[in-house]
Amino acid sequence: MIRTLSIVISLVLCTISFMSAADDKNEHELPVEQCNQNSAEACEHIGMYYTNVVGDDSKALPFFQKGCDLNAKESCTFSGNIFAYGAVVDKDMEKALNYYEKGCELKDGIACNLLGSFYENGENVDKDQKKAFYYYTRACNEGDWAQACETLKEISDK
């Protein structure tokens, strides 16, 4: 229950922390040309616009995927969320985990924390305490994700 709440909190914080990237511009003012010229920031900005302003993850996904391909860590995490929860695409945990892993490699604490929680609880993956510990450690140390540091302390004390 606590770990499920941890996932929900991570997803909410992920969305809130990047809301400023999607302002009230209209669709015609989006930096599509910069995204087409491989600006990871521009692709991520467009994805955030479609997710947070328009509320359409199906339009956001291609921009998040391209942003992730260009090493925008938050784009990887948002792509993972879209595939993990399957609201606009078929749920695909293999793709979700791949996106989360890349986000974690790029030092996104939220992605690392989500991976830790999945492996700790065996949610959508085989339960694996070693992997959980690894991802929580990465979230705590590299991503500076305080929630993961607390969880890491809790599971280390067991």
C-alpha atoms as a PDB file:
ATOM      1  CA  MET A   1       0.000   0.000   0.000  1.00  0.00           C
ATOM      2  CA  ILE A   2       2.761   2.453   0.967  1.00  0.00           C
ATOM      3  CA  ARG A   3       4.730   1.607  -2.179  1.00  0.00           C
ATOM      4  CA  THR A   4       1.647   1.971  -4.398  1.00  0.00           C
ATOM      5  CA  LEU A   5       1.119   5.369  -2.840  1.00  0.00           C
ATOM      6  CA  SER A   6       4.789   6.029  -3.595  1.00  0.00           C
ATOM      7  CA  ILE A   7       4.158   5.378  -7.302  1.00  0.00           C
ATOM      8  CA  VAL A   8       1.107   7.630  -7.348  1.00  0.00           C
ATOM      9  CA  ILE A   9       2.987  10.406  -5.571  1.00  0.00           C
ATOM     10  CA  SER A  10       5.911  10.030  -7.989  1.00  0.00           C
ATOM     11  CA  LEU A  11       3.611  10.350 -10.987  1.00  0.00           C
ATOM     12  CA  VAL A  12       1.810  13.372  -9.546  1.00  0.00           C
ATOM     13  CA  LEU A  13       5.084  15.072  -8.660  1.00  0.00           C
ATOM     14  CA  CYS A  14       6.451  14.241 -12.092  1.00  0.00           C
ATOM     15  CA  THR A  15       3.522  15.997 -13.726  1.00  0.00           C
ATOM     16  CA  ILE A  16       3.538  18.971 -11.345  1.00  0.00           C
ATOM     17  CA  SER A  17       7.282  19.499 -11.562  1.00  0.00           C
ATOM     18  CA  PHE A  18       7.110  19.840 -15.310  1.00  0.00           C
ATOM     19  CA  MET A  19       3.874  21.818 -15.626  1.00  0.00           C
ATOM     20  CA  SER A  20       5.825  25.025 -16.139  1.00  0.00           C
ATOM     21  CA  ALA A  21       7.261  23.567 -19.321  1.00  0.00           C
ATOM     22  CA  ALA A  22       3.797  23.621 -20.842  1.00  0.00           C
ATOM     23  CA  ASP A  23       2.456  27.125 -20.742  1.00  0.00           C
ATOM     24  CA  ASP A  24      -0.659  28.620 -22.274  1.00  0.00           C
ATOM     25  CA  LYS A  25       0.709  29.002 -25.792  1.00  0.00           C
ATOM     26  CA  ASN A  26      -1.567  27.884 -28.527  1.00  0.00           C
ATOM     27  CA  GLU A  27      -0.695  24.995 -30.767  1.00  0.00           C
ATOM     28  CA  HIS A  28       0.563  27.230 -33.572  1.00  0.00           C
ATOM     29  CA  GLU A  29       3.250  28.737 -31.328  1.00  0.00           C
ATOM     30  CA  LEU A  30       4.854  25.408 -30.423  1.00  0.00           C
ATOM     31  CA  PRO A  31       8.537  24.953 -31.308  1.00  0.00           C
ATOM     32  CA  VAL A  32       7.866  22.209 -33.859  1.00  0.00           C
ATOM     33  CA  GLU A  33      10.653  23.360 -36.191  1.00  0.00           C
ATOM     34  CA  GLN A  34      13.208  23.183 -33.356  1.00  0.00           C
ATOM     35  CA  CYS A  35      11.979  19.704 -32.457  1.00  0.00           C
ATOM     36  CA  ASN A  36      12.318  18.686 -36.101  1.00  0.00           C
ATOM     37  CA  GLN A  37      15.906  19.969 -35.895  1.00  0.00           C
ATOM     38  CA  ASN A  38      16.527  17.608 -32.954  1.00  0.00           C
ATOM     39  CA  SER A  39      16.143  19.976 -30.022  1.00  0.00           C
ATOM     40  CA  ALA A  40      15.336  17.670 -27.106  1.00  0.00           C
ATOM     41  CA  GLU A  41      14.063  20.613 -25.070  1.00  0.00           C
ATOM     42  CA  ALA A  42      11.655  21.675 -27.829  1.00  0.00           C
ATOM     43  CA  CYS A  43      10.298  18.141 -28.250  1.00  0.00           C
ATOM     44  CA  GLU A  44       9.802  17.824 -24.501  1.00  0.00           C
ATOM     45  CA  HIS A  45       8.097  21.233 -24.368  1.00  0.00           C
ATOM     46  CA  ILE A  46       5.621  20.157 -27.043  1.00  0.00           C
ATOM     47  CA  GLY A  47       4.956  16.878 -25.238  1.00  0.00           C
ATOM     48  CA  MET A  48       4.291  18.795 -22.021  1.00  0.00           C
ATOM     49  CA  TYR A  49       1.924  21.114 -23.851  1.00  0.00           C
ATOM     50  CA  TYR A  50      -0.124  18.210 -25.190  1.00  0.00           C
ATOM     51  CA  THR A  51      -0.118  16.393 -21.838  1.00  0.00           C
ATOM     52  CA  ASN A  52      -0.717  19.274 -19.446  1.00  0.00           C
ATOM     53  CA  VAL A  53      -2.582  21.911 -21.467  1.00  0.00           C
ATOM     54  CA  VAL A  54      -4.477  19.920 -24.084  1.00  0.00           C
ATOM     55  CA  GLY A  55      -4.742  16.726 -22.008  1.00  0.00           C
ATOM     56  CA  ASP A  56      -3.950  14.483 -24.971  1.00  0.00           C
ATOM     57  CA  ASP A  57      -1.189  11.966 -24.285  1.00  0.00           C
ATOM     58  CA  SER A  58      -1.672  10.397 -27.717  1.00  0.00           C
ATOM     59  CA  LYS A  59      -0.426  13.648 -29.283  1.00  0.00           C
ATOM     60  CA  ALA A  60       2.273  14.037 -26.619  1.00  0.00           C
ATOM     61  CA  LEU A  61       3.768  10.561 -26.979  1.00  0.00           C
ATOM     62  CA  PRO A  62       5.639  11.015 -30.288  1.00  0.00           C
ATOM     63  CA  PHE A  63       7.247  14.200 -28.956  1.00  0.00           C
ATOM     64  CA  PHE A  64       8.195  12.540 -25.671  1.00  0.00           C
ATOM     65  CA  GLN A  65       9.638   9.565 -27.552  1.00  0.00           C
ATOM     66  CA  LYS A  66      11.727  11.826 -29.769  1.00  0.00           C
ATOM     67  CA  GLY A  67      12.803  13.855 -26.731  1.00  0.00           C
ATOM     68  CA  CYS A  68      13.864  10.636 -25.026  1.00  0.00           C
ATOM     69  CA  ASP A  69      15.776   9.550 -28.134  1.00  0.00           C
ATOM     70  CA  LEU A  70      17.577  12.896 -27.817  1.00  0.00           C
ATOM     71  CA  ASN A  71      18.339  12.197 -24.115  1.00  0.00           C
ATOM     72  CA  ALA A  72      15.714  14.397 -22.436  1.00  0.00           C
ATOM     73  CA  LYS A  73      15.277  12.433 -19.212  1.00  0.00           C
ATOM     74  CA  GLU A  74      11.781  13.688 -18.372  1.00  0.00           C
ATOM     75  CA  SER A  75      10.600  12.723 -21.856  1.00  0.00           C
ATOM     76  CA  CYS A  76      11.748   9.176 -21.121  1.00  0.00           C
ATOM     77  CA  THR A  77       9.824   9.117 -17.857  1.00  0.00           C
ATOM     78  CA  PHE A  78       6.648  10.484 -19.438  1.00  0.00           C
ATOM     79  CA  SER A  79       6.927   7.962 -22.292  1.00  0.00           C
ATOM     80  CA  GLY A  80       7.277   5.228 -19.677  1.00  0.00           C
ATOM     81  CA  ASN A  81       4.189   6.491 -17.843  1.00  0.00           C
ATOM     82  CA  ILE A  82       2.119   6.432 -21.016  1.00  0.00           C
ATOM     83  CA  PHE A  83       3.087   2.823 -21.763  1.00  0.00           C
ATOM     84  CA  ALA A  84       2.897   1.665 -18.131  1.00  0.00           C
ATOM     85  CA  TYR A  85      -0.633   2.833 -17.584  1.00  0.00           C
ATOM     86  CA  GLY A  86      -2.018   2.291 -21.080  1.00  0.00           C
ATOM     87  CA  ALA A  87      -4.570   5.096 -21.196  1.00  0.00           C
ATOM     88  CA  VAL A  88      -3.953   6.063 -24.845  1.00  0.00           C
ATOM     89  CA  VAL A  89      -1.894   3.109 -26.074  1.00  0.00           C
ATOM     90  CA  ASP A  90      -1.984  -0.554 -25.211  1.00  0.00           C
ATOM     91  CA  LYS A  91      -0.274  -1.134 -21.899  1.00  0.00           C
ATOM     92  CA  ASP A  92       3.249  -2.347 -22.649  1.00  0.00           C
ATOM     93  CA  MET A  93       5.425  -2.851 -19.571  1.00  0.00           C
ATOM     94  CA  GLU A  94       8.449  -3.876 -21.627  1.00  0.00           C
ATOM     95  CA  LYS A  95       8.416  -0.511 -23.406  1.00  0.00           C
ATOM     96  CA  ALA A  96       7.604   1.311 -20.168  1.00  0.00           C
ATOM     97  CA  LEU A  97      10.535  -0.301 -18.360  1.00  0.00           C
ATOM     98  CA  ASN A  98      12.871   0.521 -21.246  1.00  0.00           C
ATOM     99  CA  TYR A  99      11.846   4.187 -21.095  1.00  0.00           C
ATOM    100  CA  TYR A 100      12.122   4.289 -17.299  1.00  0.00           C
ATOM    101  CA  GLU A 101      15.548   2.638 -17.462  1.00  0.00           C
ATOM    102  CA  LYS A 102      16.772   5.210 -19.942  1.00  0.00           C
ATOM    103  CA  GLY A 103      15.331   8.026 -17.811  1.00  0.00           C
ATOM    104  CA  CYS A 104      17.098   6.566 -14.794  1.00  0.00           C
ATOM    105  CA  GLU A 105      20.367   6.277 -16.709  1.00  0.00           C
ATOM    106  CA  LEU A 106      19.958   9.970 -17.542  1.00  0.00           C
ATOM    107  CA  LYS A 107      19.621  10.604 -13.766  1.00  0.00           C
ATOM    108  CA  ASP A 108      15.901  11.187 -13.512  1.00  0.00           C
ATOM    109  CA  GLY A 109      15.136  10.357  -9.886  1.00  0.00           C
ATOM    110  CA  ILE A 110      11.451   9.804 -10.574  1.00  0.00           C
ATOM    111  CA  ALA A 111      12.176   7.116 -13.175  1.00  0.00           C
ATOM    112  CA  CYS A 112      14.648   5.393 -10.842  1.00  0.00           C
ATOM    113  CA  ASN A 113      12.169   5.549  -7.960  1.00  0.00           C
ATOM    114  CA  LEU A 114       9.369   4.086 -10.078  1.00  0.00           C
ATOM    115  CA  LEU A 115      11.620   1.218 -11.154  1.00  0.00           C
ATOM    116  CA  GLY A 116      12.575   0.566  -7.551  1.00  0.00           C
ATOM    117  CA  SER A 117       8.940   0.450  -6.521  1.00  0.00           C
ATOM    118  CA  PHE A 118       7.952  -1.860  -9.371  1.00  0.00           C
ATOM    119  CA  TYR A 119      10.718  -4.329  -8.516  1.00  0.00           C
ATOM    120  CA  GLU A 120      10.206  -4.094  -4.759  1.00  0.00           C
ATOM    121  CA  ASN A 121       6.515  -4.914  -5.016  1.00  0.00           C
ATOM    122  CA  GLY A 122       6.516  -7.123  -8.088  1.00  0.00           C
ATOM    123  CA  GLU A 123       4.099  -4.761  -9.805  1.00  0.00           C
ATOM    124  CA  ASN A 124       4.056  -5.509 -13.529  1.00  0.00           C
ATOM    125  CA  VAL A 125       7.471  -7.210 -13.189  1.00  0.00           C
ATOM    126  CA  ASP A 126       8.917 -10.135 -11.278  1.00  0.00           C
ATOM    127  CA  LYS A 127       9.679  -9.158  -7.710  1.00  0.00           C
ATOM    128  CA  ASP A 128      13.419  -8.545  -7.361  1.00  0.00           C
ATOM    129  CA  GLN A 129      14.766  -6.966  -4.177  1.00  0.00           C
ATOM    130  CA  LYS A 130      18.279  -6.566  -5.608  1.00  0.00           C
ATOM    131  CA  LYS A 131      16.957  -4.533  -8.523  1.00  0.00           C
ATOM    132  CA  ALA A 132      14.697  -2.558  -6.186  1.00  0.00           C
ATOM    133  CA  PHE A 133      17.652  -1.704  -3.975  1.00  0.00           C
ATOM    134  CA  TYR A 134      19.748  -0.777  -7.028  1.00  0.00           C
ATOM    135  CA  TYR A 135      17.130   1.587  -8.460  1.00  0.00           C
ATOM    136  CA  TYR A 136      16.273   3.175  -5.117  1.00  0.00           C
ATOM    137  CA  THR A 137      19.997   3.768  -4.568  1.00  0.00           C
ATOM    138  CA  ARG A 138      20.285   5.412  -7.973  1.00  0.00           C
ATOM    139  CA  ALA A 139      17.222   7.554  -7.295  1.00  0.00           C
ATOM    140  CA  CYS A 140      18.597   8.616  -3.948  1.00  0.00           C
ATOM    141  CA  ASN A 141      22.200   9.256  -4.951  1.00  0.00           C
ATOM    142  CA  GLU A 142      22.127  10.298  -8.573  1.00  0.00           C
ATOM    143  CA  GLY A 143      18.631  11.657  -8.924  1.00  0.00           C
ATOM    144  CA  ASP A 144      18.612  13.200  -5.463  1.00  0.00           C
ATOM    145  CA  TRP A 145      15.094  11.902  -4.955  1.00  0.00           C
ATOM    146  CA  ALA A 146      14.358  12.189  -1.216  1.00  0.00           C
ATOM    147  CA  GLN A 147      11.440   9.764  -1.284  1.00  0.00           C
ATOM    148  CA  ALA A 148      13.742   7.055  -2.626  1.00  0.00           C
ATOM    149  CA  CYS A 149      16.274   7.789   0.127  1.00  0.00           C
ATOM    150  CA  GLU A 150      13.588   7.176   2.749  1.00  0.00           C
ATOM    151  CA  THR A 151      12.456   3.958   1.065  1.00  0.00           C
ATOM    152  CA  LEU A 152      16.047   2.805   0.753  1.00  0.00           C
ATOM    153  CA  LYS A 153      16.558   3.358   4.476  1.00  0.00           C
ATOM    154  CA  GLU A 154      13.357   1.414   5.244  1.00  0.00           C
ATOM    155  CA  ILE A 155      14.287  -1.608   3.158  1.00  0.00           C
ATOM    156  CA  SER A 156      17.877  -1.565   4.405  1.00  0.00           C
ATOM    157  CA  ASP A 157      16.628  -1.745   8.000  1.00  0.00           C
ATOM    158  CA  LYS A 158      14.655  -4.934   7.282  1.00  0.00           C
END
